[in-house]
C-alpha atoms as a PDB file:
ATOM      1  CA  MET A   1      37.646 -39.940   9.316  1.00  0.00           C
ATOM      2  CA  GLU A   2      37.860 -41.525  12.696  1.00  0.00           C
ATOM      3  CA  LEU A   3      36.386 -41.579  16.094  1.00  0.00           C
ATOM      4  CA  ILE A   4      38.589 -39.751  18.593  1.00  0.00           C
ATOM      5  CA  PHE A   5      36.697 -41.240  21.478  1.00  0.00           C
ATOM      6  CA  TRP A   6      36.713 -44.573  19.993  1.00  0.00           C
ATOM      7  CA  TRP A   7      35.528 -46.269  23.248  1.00  0.00           C
ATOM      8  CA  MET A   8      32.318 -44.467  23.305  1.00  0.00           C
ATOM      9  CA  PRO A   9      30.284 -46.921  20.804  1.00  0.00           C
ATOM     10  CA  LEU A  10      31.476 -49.983  23.033  1.00  0.00           C
ATOM     11  CA  ALA A  11      30.509 -48.370  26.051  1.00  0.00           C
ATOM     12  CA  ALA A  12      27.083 -47.633  24.985  1.00  0.00           C
ATOM     13  CA  LEU A  13      26.826 -51.060  23.506  1.00  0.00           C
ATOM     14  CA  GLY A  14      27.635 -52.399  26.912  1.00  0.00           C
ATOM     15  CA  ALA A  15      25.023 -50.103  28.697  1.00  0.00           C
ATOM     16  CA  ALA A  16      22.668 -51.364  26.166  1.00  0.00           C
ATOM     17  CA  LEU A  17      23.278 -55.004  26.804  1.00  0.00           C
ATOM     18  CA  LEU A  18      23.260 -54.465  30.424  1.00  0.00           C
ATOM     19  CA  GLY A  19      20.045 -52.515  30.292  1.00  0.00           C
ATOM     20  CA  ALA A  20      18.260 -55.127  28.343  1.00  0.00           C
ATOM     21  CA  GLY A  21      19.469 -58.054  30.598  1.00  0.00           C
ATOM     22  CA  LEU A  22      18.212 -56.164  33.681  1.00  0.00           C
ATOM     23  CA  TYR A  23      14.937 -55.736  31.921  1.00  0.00           C
ATOM     24  CA  VAL A  24      14.548 -59.577  31.050  1.00  0.00           C
ATOM     25  CA  LEU A  25      15.440 -60.473  34.853  1.00  0.00           C
ATOM     26  CA  TRP A  26      12.833 -57.947  36.032  1.00  0.00           C
ATOM     27  CA  ARG A  27      10.322 -59.395  33.749  1.00  0.00           C
ATOM     28  CA  ARG A  28      10.870 -62.758  34.749  1.00  0.00           C
ATOM     29  CA  ARG A  29      10.494 -61.677  38.387  1.00  0.00           C
ATOM     30  CA  SER A  30       7.297 -60.083  38.027  1.00  0.00           C
ATOM     31  CA  THR A  31       5.514 -62.850  35.919  1.00  0.00           C
ATOM     32  CA  GLY A  32       2.656 -63.958  38.032  1.00  0.00           C
ATOM     33  CA  THR A  33       2.946 -61.505  40.721  1.00  0.00           C
ATOM     34  CA  ALA A  34       1.915 -58.414  39.003  1.00  0.00           C
ATOM     35  CA  SER A  35      -1.664 -57.645  37.954  1.00  0.00           C
ATOM     36  CA  ARG A  36      -2.248 -58.508  34.105  1.00  0.00           C
ATOM     37  CA  GLY A  37      -5.456 -56.431  33.662  1.00  0.00           C
ATOM     38  CA  THR A  38      -9.177 -56.884  34.323  1.00  0.00           C
ATOM     39  CA  PRO A  39     -10.632 -60.078  32.974  1.00  0.00           C
ATOM     40  CA  VAL A  40     -13.170 -59.336  30.384  1.00  0.00           C
ATOM     41  CA  ALA A  41     -15.743 -62.261  29.368  1.00  0.00           C
ATOM     42  CA  HIS A  42     -15.919 -62.974  25.678  1.00  0.00           C
ATOM     43  CA  SER A  43     -12.975 -60.762  24.713  1.00  0.00           C
ATOM     44  CA  GLU A  44     -12.025 -63.190  22.016  1.00  0.00           C
ATOM     45  CA  ARG A  45     -14.839 -62.135  19.904  1.00  0.00           C
ATOM     46  CA  LEU A  46     -13.508 -58.440  19.817  1.00  0.00           C
ATOM     47  CA  THR A  47     -10.054 -59.619  18.985  1.00  0.00           C
ATOM     48  CA  ALA A  48     -11.178 -62.105  16.170  1.00  0.00           C
ATOM     49  CA  LEU A  49     -12.640 -58.882  14.446  1.00  0.00           C
ATOM     50  CA  PRO A  50     -11.002 -57.923  11.220  1.00  0.00           C
ATOM     51  CA  GLU A  51     -10.767 -54.156  12.121  1.00  0.00           C
ATOM     52  CA  TYR A  52      -9.218 -54.921  15.348  1.00  0.00           C
ATOM     53  CA  ARG A  53      -6.631 -57.133  13.765  1.00  0.00           C
ATOM     54  CA  ARG A  54      -5.936 -54.368  11.220  1.00  0.00           C
ATOM     55  CA  VAL A  55      -5.447 -51.743  14.018  1.00  0.00           C
ATOM     56  CA  LEU A  56      -3.388 -53.867  16.087  1.00  0.00           C
ATOM     57  CA  ARG A  57      -1.091 -54.643  13.108  1.00  0.00           C
ATOM     58  CA  ARG A  58      -0.513 -51.143  12.515  1.00  0.00           C
ATOM     59  CA  TYR A  59      -0.011 -50.377  16.157  1.00  0.00           C
ATOM     60  CA  ARG A  60       2.728 -52.932  16.300  1.00  0.00           C
ATOM     61  CA  THR A  61       4.274 -51.822  13.093  1.00  0.00           C
ATOM     62  CA  LEU A  62       4.331 -48.103  14.622  1.00  0.00           C
ATOM     63  CA  LEU A  63       5.896 -49.521  17.631  1.00  0.00           C
ATOM     64  CA  GLY A  64       8.332 -51.502  15.679  1.00  0.00           C
ATOM     65  CA  ALA A  65       9.297 -48.541  13.770  1.00  0.00           C
ATOM     66  CA  LEU A  66       9.280 -46.274  16.756  1.00  0.00           C
ATOM     67  CA  LEU A  67      11.944 -48.677  18.441  1.00  0.00           C
ATOM     68  CA  VAL A  68      14.261 -48.781  15.290  1.00  0.00           C
ATOM     69  CA  LEU A  69      14.136 -45.000  15.151  1.00  0.00           C
ATOM     70  CA  VAL A  70      15.068 -44.585  18.776  1.00  0.00           C
ATOM     71  CA  ILE A  71      17.844 -47.134  18.477  1.00  0.00           C
ATOM     72  CA  VAL A  72      19.350 -45.320  15.207  1.00  0.00           C
ATOM     73  CA  ALA A  73      18.886 -41.671  16.909  1.00  0.00           C
ATOM     74  CA  ALA A  74      20.652 -43.007  20.099  1.00  0.00           C
ATOM     75  CA  SER A  75      23.482 -44.587  17.751  1.00  0.00           C
ATOM     76  CA  SER A  76      23.810 -41.116  15.975  1.00  0.00           C
ATOM     77  CA  GLY A  77      23.963 -39.492  19.521  1.00  0.00           C
ATOM     78  CA  VAL A  78      26.665 -41.915  20.365  1.00  0.00           C
ATOM     79  CA  LEU A  79      28.845 -41.496  17.165  1.00  0.00           C
ATOM     80  CA  LEU A  80      28.284 -37.415  17.714  1.00  0.00           C
ATOM     81  CA  ALA A  81      29.620 -37.715  21.341  1.00  0.00           C
ATOM     82  CA  SER A  82      32.452 -40.008  19.872  1.00  0.00           C
ATOM     83  CA  ARG A  83      33.852 -36.937  17.975  1.00  0.00           C
ATOM     84  CA  SER A  84      34.217 -38.011  14.193  1.00  0.00           C
ATOM     85  CA  ALA A  85      37.237 -36.128  13.144  1.00  0.00           C
ATOM     86  CA  SER A  86      39.770 -36.453  10.305  1.00  0.00           C
ATOM     87  CA  VAL A  87      43.445 -36.467  11.491  1.00  0.00           C
ATOM     88  CA  GLU A  88      46.156 -35.428   9.420  1.00  0.00           C
ATOM     89  CA  THR A  89      50.005 -34.245   9.633  1.00  0.00           C
ATOM     90  CA  VAL A  90      50.764 -31.032   7.863  1.00  0.00           C
ATOM     91  CA  THR A  91      53.592 -28.881   7.007  1.00  0.00           C
ATOM     92  CA  PRO A  92      52.166 -25.255   7.000  1.00  0.00           C
ATOM     93  CA  GLN A  93      53.880 -22.764   4.718  1.00  0.00           C
ATOM     94  CA  SER A  94      54.854 -19.462   6.387  1.00  0.00           C
ATOM     95  CA  TYR A  95      54.307 -16.192   4.452  1.00  0.00           C
ATOM     96  CA  LYS A  96      56.683 -14.232   6.808  1.00  0.00           C
ATOM     97  CA  ARG A  97      58.758 -13.113   3.623  1.00  0.00           C
ATOM     98  CA  ASP A  98      60.412  -9.773   2.877  1.00  0.00           C
ATOM     99  CA  ILE A  99      60.129  -8.667  -0.735  1.00  0.00           C
ATOM    100  CA  MET A 100      61.820  -5.726  -2.178  1.00  0.00           C
ATOM    101  CA  LEU A 101      60.730  -4.470  -5.361  1.00  0.00           C
ATOM    102  CA  CYS A 102      63.942  -3.009  -7.098  1.00  0.00           C
ATOM    103  CA  LEU A 103      62.829  -1.085 -10.117  1.00  0.00           C
ATOM    104  CA  ASP A 104      64.896   0.511 -12.788  1.00  0.00           C
ATOM    105  CA  VAL A 105      63.269   3.784 -13.835  1.00  0.00           C
ATOM    106  CA  SER A 106      65.129   4.735 -16.869  1.00  0.00           C
ATOM    107  CA  GLY A 107      62.893   5.602 -19.913  1.00  0.00           C
ATOM    108  CA  SER A 108      62.865   1.961 -21.195  1.00  0.00           C
ATOM    109  CA  MET A 109      61.489   0.574 -18.254  1.00  0.00           C
ATOM    110  CA  THR A 110      58.342   2.272 -17.308  1.00  0.00           C
ATOM    111  CA  ASP A 111      55.808   0.281 -18.823  1.00  0.00           C
ATOM    112  CA  VAL A 112      57.442  -3.034 -17.129  1.00  0.00           C
ATOM    113  CA  ASP A 113      57.730  -0.908 -13.818  1.00  0.00           C
ATOM    114  CA  ALA A 114      53.866   0.133 -14.057  1.00  0.00           C
ATOM    115  CA  LYS A 115      52.799  -3.453 -14.621  1.00  0.00           C
ATOM    116  CA  ILE A 116      54.889  -4.750 -11.516  1.00  0.00           C
ATOM    117  CA  VAL A 117      53.772  -2.208  -9.199  1.00  0.00           C
ATOM    118  CA  ASP A 118      50.067  -2.479 -10.420  1.00  0.00           C
ATOM    119  CA  THR A 119      50.283  -6.430  -9.550  1.00  0.00           C
ATOM    120  CA  PHE A 120      51.659  -5.948  -6.351  1.00  0.00           C
ATOM    121  CA  ALA A 121      48.996  -3.396  -5.431  1.00  0.00           C
ATOM    122  CA  SER A 122      46.338  -5.767  -6.232  1.00  0.00           C
ATOM    123  CA  LEU A 123      47.978  -8.496  -4.273  1.00  0.00           C
ATOM    124  CA  ALA A 124      48.544  -6.423  -1.246  1.00  0.00           C
ATOM    125  CA  SER A 125      44.896  -7.014   0.184  1.00  0.00           C
ATOM    126  CA  ASP A 126      45.884 -10.635   0.234  1.00  0.00           C
ATOM    127  CA  LEU A 127      49.042 -10.673   1.925  1.00  0.00           C
ATOM    128  CA  HIS A 128      49.532 -11.943   5.568  1.00  0.00           C
ATOM    129  CA  GLY A 129      52.958 -11.441   7.232  1.00  0.00           C
ATOM    130  CA  GLU A 130      54.888 -10.634   4.293  1.00  0.00           C
ATOM    131  CA  ARG A 131      56.717  -6.998   4.386  1.00  0.00           C
ATOM    132  CA  ILE A 132      56.868  -5.230   0.876  1.00  0.00           C
ATOM    133  CA  GLY A 133      59.309  -2.471   0.090  1.00  0.00           C
ATOM    134  CA  LEU A 134      59.971  -0.249  -2.860  1.00  0.00           C
ATOM    135  CA  THR A 135      63.481   0.899  -4.204  1.00  0.00           C
ATOM    136  CA  ILE A 136      63.868   2.782  -7.673  1.00  0.00           C
ATOM    137  CA  PHE A 137      67.095   3.617  -9.177  1.00  0.00           C
ATOM    138  CA  ASP A 138      68.827   5.221 -12.346  1.00  0.00           C
ATOM    139  CA  SER A 139      71.823   6.971 -11.696  1.00  0.00           C
ATOM    140  CA  SER A 140      71.072   7.082  -7.972  1.00  0.00           C
ATOM    141  CA  ALA A 141      68.942   4.789  -5.838  1.00  0.00           C
ATOM    142  CA  VAL A 142      65.973   6.211  -3.899  1.00  0.00           C
ATOM    143  CA  THR A 143      64.089   4.226  -1.274  1.00  0.00           C
ATOM    144  CA  VAL A 144      60.238   5.037  -1.922  1.00  0.00           C
ATOM    145  CA  PHE A 145      59.310   3.168   1.320  1.00  0.00           C
ATOM    146  CA  PRO A 146      61.164   0.787   3.344  1.00  0.00           C
ATOM    147  CA  LEU A 147      59.995  -2.914   4.063  1.00  0.00           C
ATOM    148  CA  THR A 148      56.528  -2.769   5.708  1.00  0.00           C
ATOM    149  CA  ASP A 149      53.441  -4.789   6.441  1.00  0.00           C
ATOM    150  CA  ASP A 150      51.066  -1.802   6.476  1.00  0.00           C
ATOM    151  CA  TYR A 151      49.384  -3.189   3.268  1.00  0.00           C
ATOM    152  CA  SER A 152      46.950  -0.164   2.975  1.00  0.00           C
ATOM    153  CA  TYR A 153      50.041   2.187   2.714  1.00  0.00           C
ATOM    154  CA  VAL A 154      51.738  -0.232   0.290  1.00  0.00           C
ATOM    155  CA  LYS A 155      48.614  -0.300  -1.972  1.00  0.00           C
ATOM    156  CA  SER A 156      48.497   3.415  -1.895  1.00  0.00           C
ATOM    157  CA  GLU A 157      51.972   4.088  -2.722  1.00  0.00           C
ATOM    158  CA  LEU A 158      52.004   1.137  -5.358  1.00  0.00           C
ATOM    159  CA  THR A 159      49.025   2.775  -6.976  1.00  0.00           C
ATOM    160  CA  THR A 160      50.546   6.526  -7.135  1.00  0.00           C
ATOM    161  CA  TYR A 161      53.687   5.053  -8.815  1.00  0.00           C
ATOM    162  CA  ARG A 162      51.755   2.877 -11.149  1.00  0.00           C
ATOM    163  CA  ASP A 163      49.760   6.196 -12.373  1.00  0.00           C
ATOM    164  CA  SER A 164      53.068   8.041 -12.523  1.00  0.00           C
ATOM    165  CA  PHE A 165      54.645   5.350 -14.655  1.00  0.00           C
ATOM    166  CA  ARG A 166      51.917   5.172 -17.073  1.00  0.00           C
ATOM    167  CA  SER A 167      51.573   8.841 -17.362  1.00  0.00           C
ATOM    168  CA  GLN A 168      55.343   9.385 -17.775  1.00  0.00           C
ATOM    169  CA  GLY A 169      55.057  11.535 -14.498  1.00  0.00           C
ATOM    170  CA  GLU A 170      52.124  13.843 -15.379  1.00  0.00           C
ATOM    171  CA  LYS A 171      49.992  12.173 -12.578  1.00  0.00           C
ATOM    172  CA  GLY A 172      50.849  11.916  -9.183  1.00  0.00           C
ATOM    173  CA  VAL A 173      54.602  12.104  -8.288  1.00  0.00           C
ATOM    174  CA  GLN A 174      57.511  12.342 -10.795  1.00  0.00           C
ATOM    175  CA  TYR A 175      58.792   8.971 -10.335  1.00  0.00           C
ATOM    176  CA  TRP A 176      62.331   9.816 -11.426  1.00  0.00           C
ATOM    177  CA  GLN A 177      62.985  12.479  -8.522  1.00  0.00           C
ATOM    178  CA  GLY A 178      65.978  11.886  -6.578  1.00  0.00           C
ATOM    179  CA  THR A 179      67.381   9.099  -9.096  1.00  0.00           C
ATOM    180  CA  GLU A 180      69.216  11.370 -11.214  1.00  0.00           C
ATOM    181  CA  LEU A 181      71.886  12.578  -8.663  1.00  0.00           C
ATOM    182  CA  GLY A 182      74.755  10.415 -10.131  1.00  0.00           C
ATOM    183  CA  GLN A 183      76.678  10.258 -13.368  1.00  0.00           C
ATOM    184  CA  GLY A 184      75.283   8.048 -15.734  1.00  0.00           C
ATOM    185  CA  ALA A 185      71.954   5.939 -16.011  1.00  0.00           C
ATOM    186  CA  SER A 186      70.848   2.629 -15.554  1.00  0.00           C
ATOM    187  CA  LEU A 187      73.500   1.670 -12.986  1.00  0.00           C
ATOM    188  CA  ILE A 188      72.314  -1.660 -12.236  1.00  0.00           C
ATOM    189  CA  GLY A 189      75.161  -2.715  -9.908  1.00  0.00           C
ATOM    190  CA  ASP A 190      74.495   0.399  -7.532  1.00  0.00           C
ATOM    191  CA  GLY A 191      70.921  -0.030  -7.823  1.00  0.00           C
ATOM    192  CA  LEU A 192      70.726  -3.693  -6.959  1.00  0.00           C
ATOM    193  CA  ALA A 193      73.156  -3.076  -3.811  1.00  0.00           C
ATOM    194  CA  SER A 194      70.936  -0.422  -2.590  1.00  0.00           C
ATOM    195  CA  CYS A 195      68.201  -2.920  -2.630  1.00  0.00           C
ATOM    196  CA  VAL A 196      70.070  -5.670  -0.777  1.00  0.00           C
ATOM    197  CA  LEU A 197      71.118  -3.009   1.700  1.00  0.00           C
ATOM    198  CA  GLY A 198      67.442  -2.422   2.386  1.00  0.00           C
ATOM    199  CA  PHE A 199      66.874  -5.522   4.225  1.00  0.00           C
ATOM    200  CA  ASP A 200      67.427  -5.904   7.837  1.00  0.00           C
ATOM    201  CA  GLY A 201      70.765  -6.481   8.915  1.00  0.00           C
ATOM    202  CA  ASP A 202      69.990  -9.333  11.446  1.00  0.00           C
ATOM    203  CA  LYS A 203      71.937 -12.515   9.696  1.00  0.00           C
ATOM    204  CA  GLY A 204      69.819 -14.883  12.071  1.00  0.00           C
ATOM    205  CA  SER A 205      66.603 -14.019  10.671  1.00  0.00           C
ATOM    206  CA  THR A 206      64.733 -16.780   9.071  1.00  0.00           C
ATOM    207  CA  ARG A 207      62.365 -14.579   6.965  1.00  0.00           C
ATOM    208  CA  PRO A 208      63.088 -15.610   3.275  1.00  0.00           C
ATOM    209  CA  LYS A 209      64.350 -12.370   1.376  1.00  0.00           C
ATOM    210  CA  SER A 210      63.823 -11.783  -2.150  1.00  0.00           C
ATOM    211  CA  ILE A 211      64.372  -8.883  -4.684  1.00  0.00           C
ATOM    212  CA  VAL A 212      62.078  -8.419  -7.768  1.00  0.00           C
ATOM    213  CA  LEU A 213      64.660  -6.657 -10.113  1.00  0.00           C
ATOM    214  CA  ALA A 214      63.319  -5.023 -13.187  1.00  0.00           C
ATOM    215  CA  THR A 215      65.913  -3.828 -15.636  1.00  0.00           C
ATOM    216  CA  ASP A 216      67.206  -4.166 -19.131  1.00  0.00           C
ATOM    217  CA  ASN A 217      70.928  -4.309 -17.928  1.00  0.00           C
ATOM    218  CA  TYR A 218      71.983  -1.616 -20.244  1.00  0.00           C
ATOM    219  CA  VAL A 219      74.504   0.379 -18.115  1.00  0.00           C
ATOM    220  CA  ASN A 220      75.272   3.821 -19.413  1.00  0.00           C
ATOM    221  CA  GLY A 221      78.062   5.214 -17.088  1.00  0.00           C
ATOM    222  CA  GLU A 222      80.620   3.852 -14.440  1.00  0.00           C
ATOM    223  CA  PRO A 223      78.756   2.456 -11.398  1.00  0.00           C
ATOM    224  CA  LEU A 224      80.412   2.076  -8.019  1.00  0.00           C
ATOM    225  CA  LEU A 225      79.620  -1.661  -8.012  1.00  0.00           C
ATOM    226  CA  THR A 226      79.141  -4.009 -10.990  1.00  0.00           C
ATOM    227  CA  LEU A 227      76.365  -6.380 -11.308  1.00  0.00           C
ATOM    228  CA  THR A 228      78.475  -9.221 -10.355  1.00  0.00           C
ATOM    229  CA  GLN A 229      79.738  -7.598  -7.137  1.00  0.00           C
ATOM    230  CA  SER A 230      76.134  -6.771  -6.197  1.00  0.00           C
ATOM    231  CA  ALA A 231      74.954 -10.168  -6.969  1.00  0.00           C
ATOM    232  CA  ALA A 232      77.682 -11.556  -4.744  1.00  0.00           C
ATOM    233  CA  LEU A 233      76.587  -9.048  -2.107  1.00  0.00           C
ATOM    234  CA  ALA A 234      73.015 -10.491  -2.366  1.00  0.00           C
ATOM    235  CA  THR A 235      74.138 -14.144  -1.995  1.00  0.00           C
ATOM    236  CA  LYS A 236      76.101 -13.123   1.224  1.00  0.00           C
ATOM    237  CA  GLN A 237      73.196 -11.719   2.507  1.00  0.00           C
ATOM    238  CA  ASN A 238      70.894 -14.691   1.780  1.00  0.00           C
ATOM    239  CA  VAL A 239      68.731 -12.620  -0.630  1.00  0.00           C
ATOM    240  CA  ARG A 240      67.344 -14.266  -3.958  1.00  0.00           C
ATOM    241  CA  VAL A 241      67.140 -11.975  -7.064  1.00  0.00           C
ATOM    242  CA  TYR A 242      64.417 -12.389  -9.470  1.00  0.00           C
ATOM    243  CA  ALA A 243      65.040 -10.549 -12.364  1.00  0.00           C
ATOM    244  CA  ILE A 244      62.640  -9.392 -15.183  1.00  0.00           C
ATOM    245  CA  ASP A 245      63.931  -8.052 -18.254  1.00  0.00           C
ATOM    246  CA  PRO A 246      62.090  -6.786 -21.398  1.00  0.00           C
ATOM    247  CA  VAL A 247      64.481  -8.245 -23.592  1.00  0.00           C
ATOM    248  CA  ASN A 248      64.159  -9.087 -27.394  1.00  0.00           C
ATOM    249  CA  ASP A 249      65.763 -12.471 -28.325  1.00  0.00           C
ATOM    250  CA  GLN A 250      68.178 -12.770 -30.952  1.00  0.00           C
ATOM    251  CA  ALA A 251      67.072 -14.355 -34.314  1.00  0.00           C
ATOM    252  CA  ASP A 252      68.180 -17.813 -33.395  1.00  0.00           C
ATOM    253  CA  GLY A 253      66.119 -17.584 -29.868  1.00  0.00           C
ATOM    254  CA  THR A 254      68.751 -17.170 -27.660  1.00  0.00           C
ATOM    255  CA  LEU A 255      69.403 -14.191 -25.171  1.00  0.00           C
ATOM    256  CA  ASP A 256      71.754 -11.471 -26.081  1.00  0.00           C
ATOM    257  CA  SER A 257      75.008 -10.976 -24.215  1.00  0.00           C
ATOM    258  CA  VAL A 258      73.672  -8.335 -21.880  1.00  0.00           C
ATOM    259  CA  ALA A 259      70.550 -10.538 -21.022  1.00  0.00           C
ATOM    260  CA  LEU A 260      72.639 -13.371 -20.648  1.00  0.00           C
ATOM    261  CA  ASP A 261      74.937 -11.706 -18.083  1.00  0.00           C
ATOM    262  CA  LEU A 262      71.884 -10.619 -15.996  1.00  0.00           C
ATOM    263  CA  LYS A 263      70.339 -14.221 -16.329  1.00  0.00           C
ATOM    264  CA  THR A 264      73.661 -15.658 -14.843  1.00  0.00           C
ATOM    265  CA  GLN A 265      73.844 -13.280 -11.966  1.00  0.00           C
ATOM    266  CA  ALA A 266      69.992 -13.663 -10.853  1.00  0.00           C
ATOM    267  CA  ASP A 267      70.614 -17.391 -11.167  1.00  0.00           C
ATOM    268  CA  SER A 268      73.743 -17.171  -8.963  1.00  0.00           C
ATOM    269  CA  THR A 269      71.736 -15.977  -6.078  1.00  0.00           C
ATOM    270  CA  GLY A 270      69.118 -18.570  -6.189  1.00  0.00           C
ATOM    271  CA  GLY A 271      66.535 -16.608  -7.915  1.00  0.00           C
ATOM    272  CA  GLY A 272      65.637 -16.702 -11.362  1.00  0.00           C
ATOM    273  CA  PHE A 273      65.389 -14.767 -14.694  1.00  0.00           C
ATOM    274  CA  TYR A 274      62.273 -13.993 -16.752  1.00  0.00           C
ATOM    275  CA  ALA A 275      62.541 -12.655 -20.416  1.00  0.00           C
ATOM    276  CA  LEU A 276      59.117 -11.024 -21.283  1.00  0.00           C
ATOM    277  CA  GLY A 277      57.521 -12.256 -24.478  1.00  0.00           C
ATOM    278  CA  ASP A 278      54.748  -9.739 -24.592  1.00  0.00           C
ATOM    279  CA  ASN A 279      53.090  -7.190 -22.605  1.00  0.00           C
ATOM    280  CA  ASP A 280      50.682  -9.347 -20.681  1.00  0.00           C
ATOM    281  CA  THR A 281      53.248 -11.527 -19.103  1.00  0.00           C
ATOM    282  CA  VAL A 282      54.273  -9.550 -16.113  1.00  0.00           C
ATOM    283  CA  PRO A 283      51.357 -10.254 -13.829  1.00  0.00           C
ATOM    284  CA  SER A 284      51.844 -13.982 -14.191  1.00  0.00           C
ATOM    285  CA  ILE A 285      55.763 -13.581 -13.688  1.00  0.00           C
ATOM    286  CA  VAL A 286      55.121 -11.899 -10.724  1.00  0.00           C
ATOM    287  CA  GLN A 287      52.613 -14.355  -9.145  1.00  0.00           C
ATOM    288  CA  LYS A 288      54.901 -17.247 -10.163  1.00  0.00           C
ATOM    289  CA  ILE A 289      57.847 -15.584  -8.249  1.00  0.00           C
ATOM    290  CA  ASP A 290      55.530 -15.196  -5.334  1.00  0.00           C
ATOM    291  CA  ARG A 291      54.358 -18.902  -5.377  1.00  0.00           C
ATOM    292  CA  GLN A 292      58.076 -20.140  -5.584  1.00  0.00           C
ATOM    293  CA  GLU A 293      59.127 -17.813  -2.654  1.00  0.00           C
ATOM    294  CA  ALA A 294      56.324 -19.133  -0.636  1.00  0.00           C
ATOM    295  CA  GLY A 295      57.379 -22.786  -0.979  1.00  0.00           C
ATOM    296  CA  LEU A 296      60.995 -21.879   0.279  1.00  0.00           C
ATOM    297  CA  PHE A 297      59.998 -21.506   3.818  1.00  0.00           C
ATOM    298  CA  THR A 298      57.675 -23.986   5.685  1.00  0.00           C
ATOM    299  CA  GLY A 299      56.746 -24.254   9.342  1.00  0.00           C
ATOM    300  CA  SER A 300      57.211 -27.173  11.703  1.00  0.00           C
ATOM    301  CA  LYS A 301      54.847 -30.362  11.090  1.00  0.00           C
ATOM    302  CA  ARG A 302      51.955 -30.314  13.326  1.00  0.00           C
ATOM    303  CA  LEU A 303      48.884 -32.749  13.907  1.00  0.00           C
ATOM    304  CA  VAL A 304      45.757 -31.423  12.834  1.00  0.00           C
ATOM    305  CA  VAL A 305      42.447 -32.558  13.839  1.00  0.00           C
ATOM    306  CA  THR A 306      39.327 -31.356  12.069  1.00  0.00           C
ATOM    307  CA  ASP A 307      35.948 -32.340  13.601  1.00  0.00           C
ATOM    308  CA  HIS A 308      33.103 -33.365  11.259  1.00  0.00           C
ATOM    309  CA  PRO A 309      29.894 -33.229  13.655  1.00  0.00           C
ATOM    310  CA  ALA A 310      27.380 -31.953  10.891  1.00  0.00           C
ATOM    311  CA  PRO A 311      26.331 -35.438   9.498  1.00  0.00           C
ATOM    312  CA  PHE A 312      25.445 -36.943  12.820  1.00  0.00           C
ATOM    313  CA  ALA A 313      24.118 -33.787  14.270  1.00  0.00           C
ATOM    314  CA  ILE A 314      21.742 -33.608  11.271  1.00  0.00           C
ATOM    315  CA  ALA A 315      20.957 -37.261  11.270  1.00  0.00           C
ATOM    316  CA  ALA A 316      20.265 -37.314  15.124  1.00  0.00           C
ATOM    317  CA  LEU A 317      17.925 -34.098  14.704  1.00  0.00           C
ATOM    318  CA  LEU A 318      15.868 -35.664  12.000  1.00  0.00           C
ATOM    319  CA  LEU A 319      15.487 -38.937  13.833  1.00  0.00           C
ATOM    320  CA  VAL A 320      14.418 -37.069  16.998  1.00  0.00           C
ATOM    321  CA  LEU A 321      11.805 -35.121  14.864  1.00  0.00           C
ATOM    322  CA  ALA A 322      10.641 -38.665  13.186  1.00  0.00           C
ATOM    323  CA  VAL A 323      10.464 -40.263  16.718  1.00  0.00           C
ATOM    324  CA  LEU A 324       8.241 -37.420  18.213  1.00  0.00           C
ATOM    325  CA  GLY A 325       5.945 -37.910  15.107  1.00  0.00           C
ATOM    326  CA  LEU A 326       5.415 -41.564  15.740  1.00  0.00           C
ATOM    327  CA  LEU A 327       4.800 -40.994  19.448  1.00  0.00           C
ATOM    328  CA  TRP A 328       2.032 -38.665  18.575  1.00  0.00           C
ATOM    329  CA  ARG A 329       0.851 -41.115  15.880  1.00  0.00           C
ATOM    330  CA  VAL A 330       0.558 -43.876  18.397  1.00  0.00           C
ATOM    331  CA  ARG A 331      -0.923 -41.856  21.124  1.00  0.00           C
ATOM    332  CA  LEU A 332       1.675 -42.716  23.785  1.00  0.00           C
END
């Protein structure tokens, strides 16, 4: 901590020394001229009494304690007026990000999709400045809702689709509606390209753009765009792709060729690849992606001054109460 108005204690000390000097000068000039009270005969008999001396000692002790408390209380007041604060330079993270959830809704992906939308639905109430969108695809792509920062709407839609994924379409909407208009299934390239095109076309935007892509990359049919072409489009548009794949590793612990291709293309965009080890890992993976994306965009450095008046304010208050108590005690 430091004192913002560092000169205040020096000014207070100077004022105290000046006041003490003026008092001493006044006392010297008034000595012998002012009345020193009414003479009383044989007063030494009174002042020699043990009880008188005991009362006088207590009185002087109380006056000394009162003087100390007044000085300390005044010092606390000076420090409070000097503005005790901590000063630090911070680089704040900005959370003005665009996140598109891009979900393969073929039959093998519904459990993963349900966990992803459930995780983002629970995070929606804590978001500030991010825009969330949802696009689903199989043989064709459907924009469930575009990028928006209406978090109550986001939470409502994600919860609806979570229930639909979990119940295989028996609750809420039928999640596959509109995704069966093309030829084939799990056309990853077309789905990813649709998600990339869901971002604003302003290339000058500084908002980080990311796609959370959930797919097993098992393509059935002939897409208009391959995964490689869609990844190149994402790179061109400054969009990072984070792929989540419920892949089963081979016997030697390596990824199969399909998962390896998905990992290669996701990494090429500056994003990442996450292979699921069990059914409980989706929330932690999504949160990891969120934290990683937050670190990609920071604001300008700025000086932050944080005041800490509480210790001196509390001390001054307690000391003033103690001074009032002693004033009552000595009957001044």
